[in-house]
Amino acid sequence: MIELVLPYPISANRYWRSFVPRGHQRAIVTLSDEAKAYKQDVGWKIRQAGVRQPIAGRVAVAIDLYPQRPQDWERRQRKLGDAWDDGVMCIDLDNANKVLLDSLKGFAFDDDKWVRELRSRRMEPDAQGARVVIRITPLASATAPQLDLLGETV
């Protein structure tokens, strides 16, 4: 199992950008500069965690998303009780999943098509700040086929 603490993800709306090149009629979708920087940061964090090559084959991914705790969190807690963090700004879980799985691709696992189980939770903000805790577990049921340079199964 790989356990990682990663920076809080950027919004999916800022992760990809589309543009229509001069002389073309169709838009091209590409990673934004901010997305490239985030993905590079994630890659460094994964290497620092000791991961040297991505897991080949099926994986299960568990994501715990910790939003930034606001300065007035104690007042909110007194006023609202256990529901105090419902109003805290947080990226949508589905957006976070898209961004995180894309940024992990090629570093923690070969491709996000191999993610067979996905669990996401929005956690209560705490003193450690905005972050994501990810656990990636290889599933033994199948592995990615080994291909040669021509794409033939070895």
N, C-alpha and C. Protein backbone atom coordinates (compact mmCIF):
# COMPACT_ATOMS: atom_id res chain seq x y z
N MET A 1 0.85 -1.19 0.00
CA MET A 1 0.00 0.00 0.00
C MET A 1 0.89 1.25 0.00
N ILE A 2 0.47 2.24 -0.73
CA ILE A 2 1.13 3.54 -0.75
C ILE A 2 0.23 4.52 -0.02
N GLU A 3 0.78 5.23 0.96
CA GLU A 3 0.02 6.30 1.62
C GLU A 3 0.75 7.61 1.38
N LEU A 4 0.02 8.59 0.90
CA LEU A 4 0.60 9.88 0.53
C LEU A 4 -0.18 11.02 1.15
N VAL A 5 0.54 12.07 1.53
CA VAL A 5 -0.09 13.33 1.91
C VAL A 5 0.29 14.32 0.82
N LEU A 6 -0.72 14.80 0.12
CA LEU A 6 -0.50 15.66 -1.04
C LEU A 6 -1.12 17.03 -0.81
N PRO A 7 -0.66 18.02 -1.58
CA PRO A 7 -1.27 19.35 -1.49
C PRO A 7 -2.73 19.29 -1.92
N TYR A 8 -3.50 20.21 -1.39
CA TYR A 8 -4.92 20.33 -1.74
C TYR A 8 -5.04 20.51 -3.25
N PRO A 9 -5.94 19.80 -3.90
CA PRO A 9 -6.02 19.87 -5.37
C PRO A 9 -6.60 21.18 -5.87
N ILE A 10 -6.18 21.53 -7.07
CA ILE A 10 -6.78 22.69 -7.73
C ILE A 10 -8.13 22.26 -8.31
N SER A 11 -8.95 23.20 -8.65
CA SER A 11 -10.27 22.92 -9.22
C SER A 11 -10.12 22.30 -10.60
N ALA A 12 -11.02 21.39 -10.94
CA ALA A 12 -11.03 20.81 -12.28
C ALA A 12 -11.26 21.89 -13.33
N ASN A 13 -11.95 22.96 -12.96
CA ASN A 13 -12.18 24.07 -13.90
C ASN A 13 -10.88 24.78 -14.25
N ARG A 14 -9.89 24.70 -13.38
CA ARG A 14 -8.60 25.33 -13.65
C ARG A 14 -7.55 24.31 -14.09
N TYR A 15 -7.88 23.03 -14.05
CA TYR A 15 -6.92 21.98 -14.38
C TYR A 15 -6.73 21.86 -15.89
N TRP A 16 -7.82 21.86 -16.63
CA TRP A 16 -7.74 21.77 -18.08
C TRP A 16 -8.10 23.12 -18.69
N ARG A 17 -7.52 23.39 -19.84
CA ARG A 17 -7.91 24.59 -20.57
C ARG A 17 -8.11 24.18 -22.03
N SER A 18 -9.01 24.87 -22.66
CA SER A 18 -9.25 24.57 -24.08
C SER A 18 -9.06 25.85 -24.89
N PHE A 19 -8.61 25.65 -26.10
CA PHE A 19 -8.43 26.78 -27.01
C PHE A 19 -8.57 26.27 -28.44
N VAL A 20 -8.89 27.18 -29.32
CA VAL A 20 -9.00 26.85 -30.74
C VAL A 20 -7.78 27.46 -31.43
N PRO A 21 -6.88 26.60 -31.92
CA PRO A 21 -5.70 27.13 -32.62
C PRO A 21 -6.10 27.87 -33.89
N ARG A 22 -5.31 28.85 -34.23
CA ARG A 22 -5.57 29.63 -35.43
C ARG A 22 -5.61 28.69 -36.65
N GLY A 23 -6.65 28.82 -37.43
CA GLY A 23 -6.80 28.00 -38.62
C GLY A 23 -7.52 26.68 -38.39
N HIS A 24 -7.91 26.40 -37.16
CA HIS A 24 -8.62 25.16 -36.84
C HIS A 24 -10.05 25.49 -36.42
N GLN A 25 -10.93 24.51 -36.53
CA GLN A 25 -12.31 24.71 -36.14
C GLN A 25 -12.64 24.05 -34.81
N ARG A 26 -11.82 23.13 -34.38
CA ARG A 26 -12.08 22.41 -33.13
C ARG A 26 -11.17 22.89 -32.01
N ALA A 27 -11.72 22.84 -30.83
CA ALA A 27 -10.94 23.21 -29.65
C ALA A 27 -10.01 22.06 -29.26
N ILE A 28 -8.87 22.41 -28.73
CA ILE A 28 -7.92 21.45 -28.19
C ILE A 28 -7.93 21.61 -26.68
N VAL A 29 -8.02 20.49 -25.97
CA VAL A 29 -8.01 20.52 -24.51
C VAL A 29 -6.64 20.06 -24.04
N THR A 30 -6.04 20.83 -23.16
CA THR A 30 -4.71 20.53 -22.65
C THR A 30 -4.63 20.89 -21.17
N LEU A 31 -3.59 20.42 -20.51
CA LEU A 31 -3.39 20.80 -19.11
C LEU A 31 -3.00 22.27 -19.03
N SER A 32 -3.53 22.95 -18.04
CA SER A 32 -3.15 24.34 -17.81
C SER A 32 -1.76 24.37 -17.18
N ASP A 33 -1.14 25.54 -17.16
CA ASP A 33 0.17 25.68 -16.51
C ASP A 33 0.06 25.35 -15.02
N GLU A 34 -1.05 25.75 -14.41
CA GLU A 34 -1.28 25.45 -12.99
C GLU A 34 -1.39 23.94 -12.77
N ALA A 35 -2.04 23.25 -13.69
CA ALA A 35 -2.18 21.79 -13.59
C ALA A 35 -0.82 21.11 -13.76
N LYS A 36 -0.02 21.58 -14.69
CA LYS A 36 1.31 21.01 -14.89
C LYS A 36 2.16 21.17 -13.63
N ALA A 37 2.07 22.33 -13.00
CA ALA A 37 2.82 22.58 -11.76
C ALA A 37 2.31 21.67 -10.64
N TYR A 38 0.99 21.51 -10.53
CA TYR A 38 0.42 20.64 -9.49
C TYR A 38 0.85 19.19 -9.72
N LYS A 39 0.77 18.73 -10.96
CA LYS A 39 1.14 17.35 -11.28
C LYS A 39 2.63 17.12 -10.99
N GLN A 40 3.47 18.09 -11.29
CA GLN A 40 4.90 17.97 -10.99
C GLN A 40 5.13 17.91 -9.48
N ASP A 41 4.41 18.73 -8.73
CA ASP A 41 4.51 18.72 -7.27
C ASP A 41 4.09 17.36 -6.71
N VAL A 42 3.00 16.82 -7.24
CA VAL A 42 2.53 15.49 -6.81
C VAL A 42 3.59 14.44 -7.13
N GLY A 43 4.19 14.52 -8.30
CA GLY A 43 5.25 13.58 -8.67
C GLY A 43 6.42 13.61 -7.71
N TRP A 44 6.84 14.81 -7.30
CA TRP A 44 7.94 14.93 -6.32
C TRP A 44 7.54 14.35 -4.97
N LYS A 45 6.32 14.61 -4.54
CA LYS A 45 5.86 14.08 -3.24
C LYS A 45 5.83 12.55 -3.27
N ILE A 46 5.44 11.98 -4.39
CA ILE A 46 5.39 10.53 -4.52
C ILE A 46 6.81 9.95 -4.47
N ARG A 47 7.75 10.58 -5.15
CA ARG A 47 9.14 10.11 -5.10
C ARG A 47 9.71 10.23 -3.70
N GLN A 48 9.39 11.33 -3.01
CA GLN A 48 9.86 11.51 -1.63
C GLN A 48 9.30 10.43 -0.72
N ALA A 49 8.13 9.90 -1.05
CA ALA A 49 7.52 8.83 -0.24
C ALA A 49 8.16 7.48 -0.53
N GLY A 50 9.10 7.44 -1.47
CA GLY A 50 9.81 6.20 -1.76
C GLY A 50 9.26 5.39 -2.91
N VAL A 51 8.28 5.92 -3.61
CA VAL A 51 7.71 5.21 -4.76
C VAL A 51 8.61 5.46 -5.97
N ARG A 52 9.18 4.39 -6.52
CA ARG A 52 10.10 4.54 -7.65
C ARG A 52 9.46 4.23 -8.99
N GLN A 53 8.45 3.37 -8.96
CA GLN A 53 7.73 3.09 -10.20
C GLN A 53 6.26 2.88 -9.88
N PRO A 54 5.40 3.19 -10.83
CA PRO A 54 3.96 3.07 -10.58
C PRO A 54 3.54 1.61 -10.42
N ILE A 55 2.46 1.42 -9.69
CA ILE A 55 1.86 0.09 -9.55
C ILE A 55 1.26 -0.30 -10.89
N ALA A 56 1.59 -1.50 -11.36
CA ALA A 56 1.01 -2.01 -12.60
C ALA A 56 -0.21 -2.84 -12.25
N GLY A 57 -1.31 -2.60 -12.93
CA GLY A 57 -2.51 -3.39 -12.70
C GLY A 57 -3.53 -2.67 -11.86
N ARG A 58 -4.52 -3.42 -11.43
CA ARG A 58 -5.67 -2.87 -10.72
C ARG A 58 -5.29 -2.33 -9.35
N VAL A 59 -5.93 -1.21 -8.99
CA VAL A 59 -5.68 -0.59 -7.69
C VAL A 59 -7.00 -0.14 -7.06
N ALA A 60 -6.96 -0.02 -5.75
CA ALA A 60 -8.04 0.62 -4.99
C ALA A 60 -7.48 1.93 -4.46
N VAL A 61 -8.25 2.99 -4.54
CA VAL A 61 -7.80 4.31 -4.11
C VAL A 61 -8.78 4.85 -3.07
N ALA A 62 -8.23 5.28 -1.94
CA ALA A 62 -9.03 5.93 -0.88
C ALA A 62 -8.52 7.35 -0.72
N ILE A 63 -9.42 8.32 -0.78
CA ILE A 63 -9.06 9.74 -0.74
C ILE A 63 -9.76 10.40 0.45
N ASP A 64 -8.97 11.05 1.31
CA ASP A 64 -9.51 11.86 2.40
C ASP A 64 -9.12 13.31 2.12
N LEU A 65 -10.12 14.14 1.88
CA LEU A 65 -9.91 15.54 1.50
C LEU A 65 -10.14 16.42 2.72
N TYR A 66 -9.10 17.14 3.12
CA TYR A 66 -9.17 18.04 4.27
C TYR A 66 -9.16 19.48 3.76
N PRO A 67 -10.30 20.19 3.84
CA PRO A 67 -10.30 21.60 3.43
C PRO A 67 -9.57 22.47 4.45
N GLN A 68 -9.26 23.69 4.05
CA GLN A 68 -8.62 24.64 4.95
C GLN A 68 -9.59 25.01 6.07
N ARG A 69 -9.10 25.00 7.30
CA ARG A 69 -9.95 25.38 8.43
C ARG A 69 -10.00 26.91 8.51
N PRO A 70 -11.20 27.48 8.54
CA PRO A 70 -11.30 28.95 8.61
C PRO A 70 -10.86 29.47 9.97
N GLN A 71 -10.49 30.75 10.01
CA GLN A 71 -10.03 31.36 11.26
C GLN A 71 -11.13 31.39 12.31
N ASP A 72 -12.38 31.49 11.88
CA ASP A 72 -13.49 31.58 12.84
C ASP A 72 -14.14 30.22 13.12
N TRP A 73 -13.38 29.15 13.00
CA TRP A 73 -13.96 27.81 13.14
C TRP A 73 -14.54 27.56 14.52
N GLU A 74 -13.93 28.11 15.56
CA GLU A 74 -14.45 27.89 16.92
C GLU A 74 -15.82 28.55 17.10
N ARG A 75 -15.97 29.76 16.56
CA ARG A 75 -17.26 30.44 16.62
C ARG A 75 -18.31 29.65 15.86
N ARG A 76 -17.95 29.17 14.68
CA ARG A 76 -18.88 28.36 13.88
C ARG A 76 -19.28 27.09 14.63
N GLN A 77 -18.32 26.49 15.30
CA GLN A 77 -18.59 25.25 16.03
C GLN A 77 -19.55 25.48 17.20
N ARG A 78 -19.33 26.59 17.91
CA ARG A 78 -20.24 26.92 19.03
C ARG A 78 -21.66 27.17 18.52
N LYS A 79 -21.75 27.86 17.39
CA LYS A 79 -23.05 28.24 16.85
C LYS A 79 -23.78 27.07 16.18
N LEU A 80 -23.05 26.25 15.44
CA LEU A 80 -23.68 25.22 14.60
C LEU A 80 -23.47 23.79 15.09
N GLY A 81 -22.64 23.59 16.08
CA GLY A 81 -22.39 22.24 16.59
C GLY A 81 -21.63 21.39 15.58
N ASP A 82 -22.03 20.13 15.47
CA ASP A 82 -21.31 19.19 14.60
C ASP A 82 -21.37 19.56 13.12
N ALA A 83 -22.32 20.38 12.73
CA ALA A 83 -22.48 20.75 11.33
C ALA A 83 -21.67 22.01 10.98
N TRP A 84 -20.78 22.43 11.85
CA TRP A 84 -20.07 23.70 11.65
C TRP A 84 -19.29 23.75 10.34
N ASP A 85 -18.79 22.62 9.88
CA ASP A 85 -17.93 22.65 8.69
C ASP A 85 -18.70 22.52 7.38
N ASP A 86 -20.04 22.42 7.44
CA ASP A 86 -20.82 22.30 6.20
C ASP A 86 -20.68 23.54 5.31
N GLY A 87 -20.43 24.69 5.91
CA GLY A 87 -20.30 25.92 5.13
C GLY A 87 -18.87 26.25 4.74
N VAL A 88 -17.92 25.38 5.07
CA VAL A 88 -16.52 25.64 4.73
C VAL A 88 -16.31 25.40 3.24
N MET A 89 -15.61 26.33 2.59
CA MET A 89 -15.31 26.20 1.16
C MET A 89 -14.48 24.95 0.93
N CYS A 90 -14.92 24.13 -0.04
CA CYS A 90 -14.23 22.88 -0.33
C CYS A 90 -14.50 22.50 -1.78
N ILE A 91 -13.49 21.99 -2.44
CA ILE A 91 -13.67 21.49 -3.80
C ILE A 91 -14.66 20.33 -3.76
N ASP A 92 -15.50 20.21 -4.79
CA ASP A 92 -16.43 19.07 -4.87
C ASP A 92 -15.63 17.78 -4.94
N LEU A 93 -16.15 16.74 -4.32
CA LEU A 93 -15.44 15.46 -4.31
C LEU A 93 -15.22 14.92 -5.73
N ASP A 94 -16.22 15.05 -6.60
CA ASP A 94 -16.04 14.52 -7.95
C ASP A 94 -14.95 15.28 -8.70
N ASN A 95 -14.87 16.60 -8.52
CA ASN A 95 -13.79 17.37 -9.13
C ASN A 95 -12.44 16.97 -8.55
N ALA A 96 -12.38 16.80 -7.24
CA ALA A 96 -11.13 16.39 -6.59
C ALA A 96 -10.68 15.04 -7.13
N ASN A 97 -11.62 14.10 -7.27
CA ASN A 97 -11.27 12.78 -7.79
C ASN A 97 -10.65 12.87 -9.17
N LYS A 98 -11.27 13.65 -10.06
CA LYS A 98 -10.76 13.78 -11.43
C LYS A 98 -9.34 14.33 -11.44
N VAL A 99 -9.13 15.41 -10.70
CA VAL A 99 -7.82 16.06 -10.67
C VAL A 99 -6.77 15.14 -10.03
N LEU A 100 -7.12 14.52 -8.91
CA LEU A 100 -6.15 13.68 -8.20
C LEU A 100 -5.79 12.43 -9.01
N LEU A 101 -6.78 11.76 -9.57
CA LEU A 101 -6.47 10.57 -10.36
C LEU A 101 -5.61 10.91 -11.56
N ASP A 102 -5.90 12.03 -12.21
CA ASP A 102 -5.07 12.43 -13.35
C ASP A 102 -3.65 12.77 -12.91
N SER A 103 -3.50 13.44 -11.78
CA SER A 103 -2.16 13.83 -11.34
C SER A 103 -1.35 12.64 -10.82
N LEU A 104 -2.01 11.58 -10.36
CA LEU A 104 -1.32 10.38 -9.88
C LEU A 104 -0.91 9.45 -11.02
N LYS A 105 -1.57 9.60 -12.16
CA LYS A 105 -1.32 8.73 -13.31
C LYS A 105 0.14 8.85 -13.76
N GLY A 106 0.79 7.69 -13.88
CA GLY A 106 2.18 7.66 -14.29
C GLY A 106 3.16 7.74 -13.14
N PHE A 107 2.70 8.13 -11.97
CA PHE A 107 3.56 8.20 -10.78
C PHE A 107 3.23 7.11 -9.78
N ALA A 108 1.96 7.01 -9.39
CA ALA A 108 1.54 6.04 -8.37
C ALA A 108 0.95 4.79 -9.01
N PHE A 109 0.28 4.95 -10.14
CA PHE A 109 -0.24 3.82 -10.91
C PHE A 109 -0.11 4.16 -12.38
N ASP A 110 -0.11 3.10 -13.21
CA ASP A 110 0.13 3.29 -14.64
C ASP A 110 -0.89 4.19 -15.31
N ASP A 111 -2.16 3.92 -15.04
CA ASP A 111 -3.22 4.65 -15.72
C ASP A 111 -4.46 4.60 -14.83
N ASP A 112 -5.26 5.67 -14.86
CA ASP A 112 -6.45 5.67 -14.01
C ASP A 112 -7.52 4.68 -14.48
N LYS A 113 -7.34 4.08 -15.65
CA LYS A 113 -8.27 3.03 -16.07
C LYS A 113 -8.14 1.79 -15.19
N TRP A 114 -7.03 1.67 -14.45
CA TRP A 114 -6.81 0.53 -13.56
C TRP A 114 -7.40 0.73 -12.17
N VAL A 115 -8.00 1.88 -11.92
CA VAL A 115 -8.65 2.12 -10.62
C VAL A 115 -9.98 1.37 -10.62
N ARG A 116 -10.06 0.34 -9.78
CA ARG A 116 -11.26 -0.49 -9.71
C ARG A 116 -12.12 -0.17 -8.50
N GLU A 117 -11.54 0.43 -7.49
CA GLU A 117 -12.28 0.85 -6.31
C GLU A 117 -11.86 2.28 -6.00
N LEU A 118 -12.86 3.11 -5.69
CA LEU A 118 -12.59 4.51 -5.38
C LEU A 118 -13.50 4.94 -4.24
N ARG A 119 -12.87 5.41 -3.16
CA ARG A 119 -13.64 5.90 -2.02
C ARG A 119 -13.12 7.30 -1.69
N SER A 120 -14.03 8.25 -1.60
CA SER A 120 -13.66 9.63 -1.29
C SER A 120 -14.46 10.10 -0.09
N ARG A 121 -13.78 10.85 0.77
CA ARG A 121 -14.46 11.43 1.93
C ARG A 121 -13.97 12.87 2.12
N ARG A 122 -14.92 13.73 2.44
CA ARG A 122 -14.57 15.08 2.85
C ARG A 122 -14.45 15.05 4.37
N MET A 123 -13.29 15.40 4.86
CA MET A 123 -13.01 15.32 6.28
C MET A 123 -13.24 16.68 6.94
N GLU A 124 -13.30 16.68 8.26
CA GLU A 124 -13.45 17.92 9.00
C GLU A 124 -12.12 18.68 8.97
N PRO A 125 -12.14 19.97 8.66
CA PRO A 125 -10.90 20.75 8.66
C PRO A 125 -10.21 20.68 10.02
N ASP A 126 -8.89 20.63 10.00
CA ASP A 126 -8.15 20.56 11.26
C ASP A 126 -6.95 21.51 11.23
N ALA A 127 -6.16 21.47 12.29
CA ALA A 127 -5.04 22.40 12.44
C ALA A 127 -3.90 22.12 11.46
N GLN A 128 -3.88 20.96 10.82
CA GLN A 128 -2.79 20.63 9.89
C GLN A 128 -2.95 21.30 8.53
N GLY A 129 -4.08 21.92 8.29
CA GLY A 129 -4.28 22.67 7.05
C GLY A 129 -4.85 21.84 5.92
N ALA A 130 -5.05 22.52 4.79
CA ALA A 130 -5.64 21.89 3.61
C ALA A 130 -4.66 20.87 3.03
N ARG A 131 -5.19 19.68 2.74
CA ARG A 131 -4.35 18.61 2.21
C ARG A 131 -5.24 17.46 1.75
N VAL A 132 -4.61 16.49 1.15
CA VAL A 132 -5.29 15.26 0.74
C VAL A 132 -4.45 14.09 1.23
N VAL A 133 -5.10 13.13 1.87
CA VAL A 133 -4.43 11.89 2.26
C VAL A 133 -4.96 10.80 1.33
N ILE A 134 -4.05 10.15 0.63
CA ILE A 134 -4.43 9.14 -0.35
C ILE A 134 -3.77 7.81 -0.01
N ARG A 135 -4.56 6.75 -0.08
CA ARG A 135 -4.04 5.40 0.10
C ARG A 135 -4.34 4.61 -1.18
N ILE A 136 -3.28 4.06 -1.75
CA ILE A 136 -3.41 3.29 -2.99
C ILE A 136 -2.98 1.86 -2.70
N THR A 137 -3.89 0.93 -2.94
CA THR A 137 -3.63 -0.47 -2.63
C THR A 137 -3.70 -1.29 -3.92
N PRO A 138 -2.65 -2.06 -4.22
CA PRO A 138 -2.72 -2.94 -5.39
C PRO A 138 -3.76 -4.04 -5.17
N LEU A 139 -4.49 -4.36 -6.19
CA LEU A 139 -5.45 -5.47 -6.14
C LEU A 139 -4.84 -6.64 -6.91
N ALA A 140 -4.76 -7.77 -6.28
CA ALA A 140 -4.03 -8.91 -6.83
C ALA A 140 -4.76 -9.62 -7.96
N SER A 141 -6.00 -9.26 -8.23
CA SER A 141 -6.80 -10.03 -9.18
C SER A 141 -6.33 -9.93 -10.63
N ALA A 142 -5.67 -8.84 -10.98
CA ALA A 142 -5.19 -8.71 -12.36
C ALA A 142 -4.07 -7.70 -12.41
N THR A 143 -3.17 -7.88 -13.36
CA THR A 143 -2.10 -6.92 -13.56
C THR A 143 -2.14 -6.44 -15.00
N ALA A 144 -1.49 -5.33 -15.22
CA ALA A 144 -1.44 -4.78 -16.57
C ALA A 144 -0.60 -5.70 -17.44
N PRO A 145 -1.01 -5.94 -18.68
CA PRO A 145 -0.19 -6.77 -19.56
C PRO A 145 1.11 -6.06 -19.90
N GLN A 146 2.18 -6.82 -20.00
CA GLN A 146 3.48 -6.27 -20.37
C GLN A 146 3.53 -6.19 -21.89
N LEU A 147 3.84 -5.02 -22.43
CA LEU A 147 3.87 -4.81 -23.87
C LEU A 147 5.27 -4.48 -24.33
N ASP A 148 5.61 -4.92 -25.56
CA ASP A 148 6.90 -4.54 -26.13
C ASP A 148 6.75 -3.19 -26.83
N LEU A 149 7.79 -2.76 -27.53
CA LEU A 149 7.79 -1.44 -28.16
C LEU A 149 6.71 -1.29 -29.23
N LEU A 150 6.27 -2.38 -29.81
CA LEU A 150 5.25 -2.33 -30.85
C LEU A 150 3.85 -2.50 -30.31
N GLY A 151 3.72 -2.60 -28.98
CA GLY A 151 2.41 -2.75 -28.38
C GLY A 151 1.93 -4.19 -28.33
N GLU A 152 2.81 -5.13 -28.63
CA GLU A 152 2.48 -6.55 -28.59
C GLU A 152 2.65 -7.08 -27.18
N THR A 153 1.77 -7.98 -26.76
CA THR A 153 1.88 -8.59 -25.43
C THR A 153 3.11 -9.47 -25.38
N VAL A 154 3.89 -9.32 -24.30
CA VAL A 154 5.13 -10.09 -24.14
C VAL A 154 4.84 -11.38 -23.42
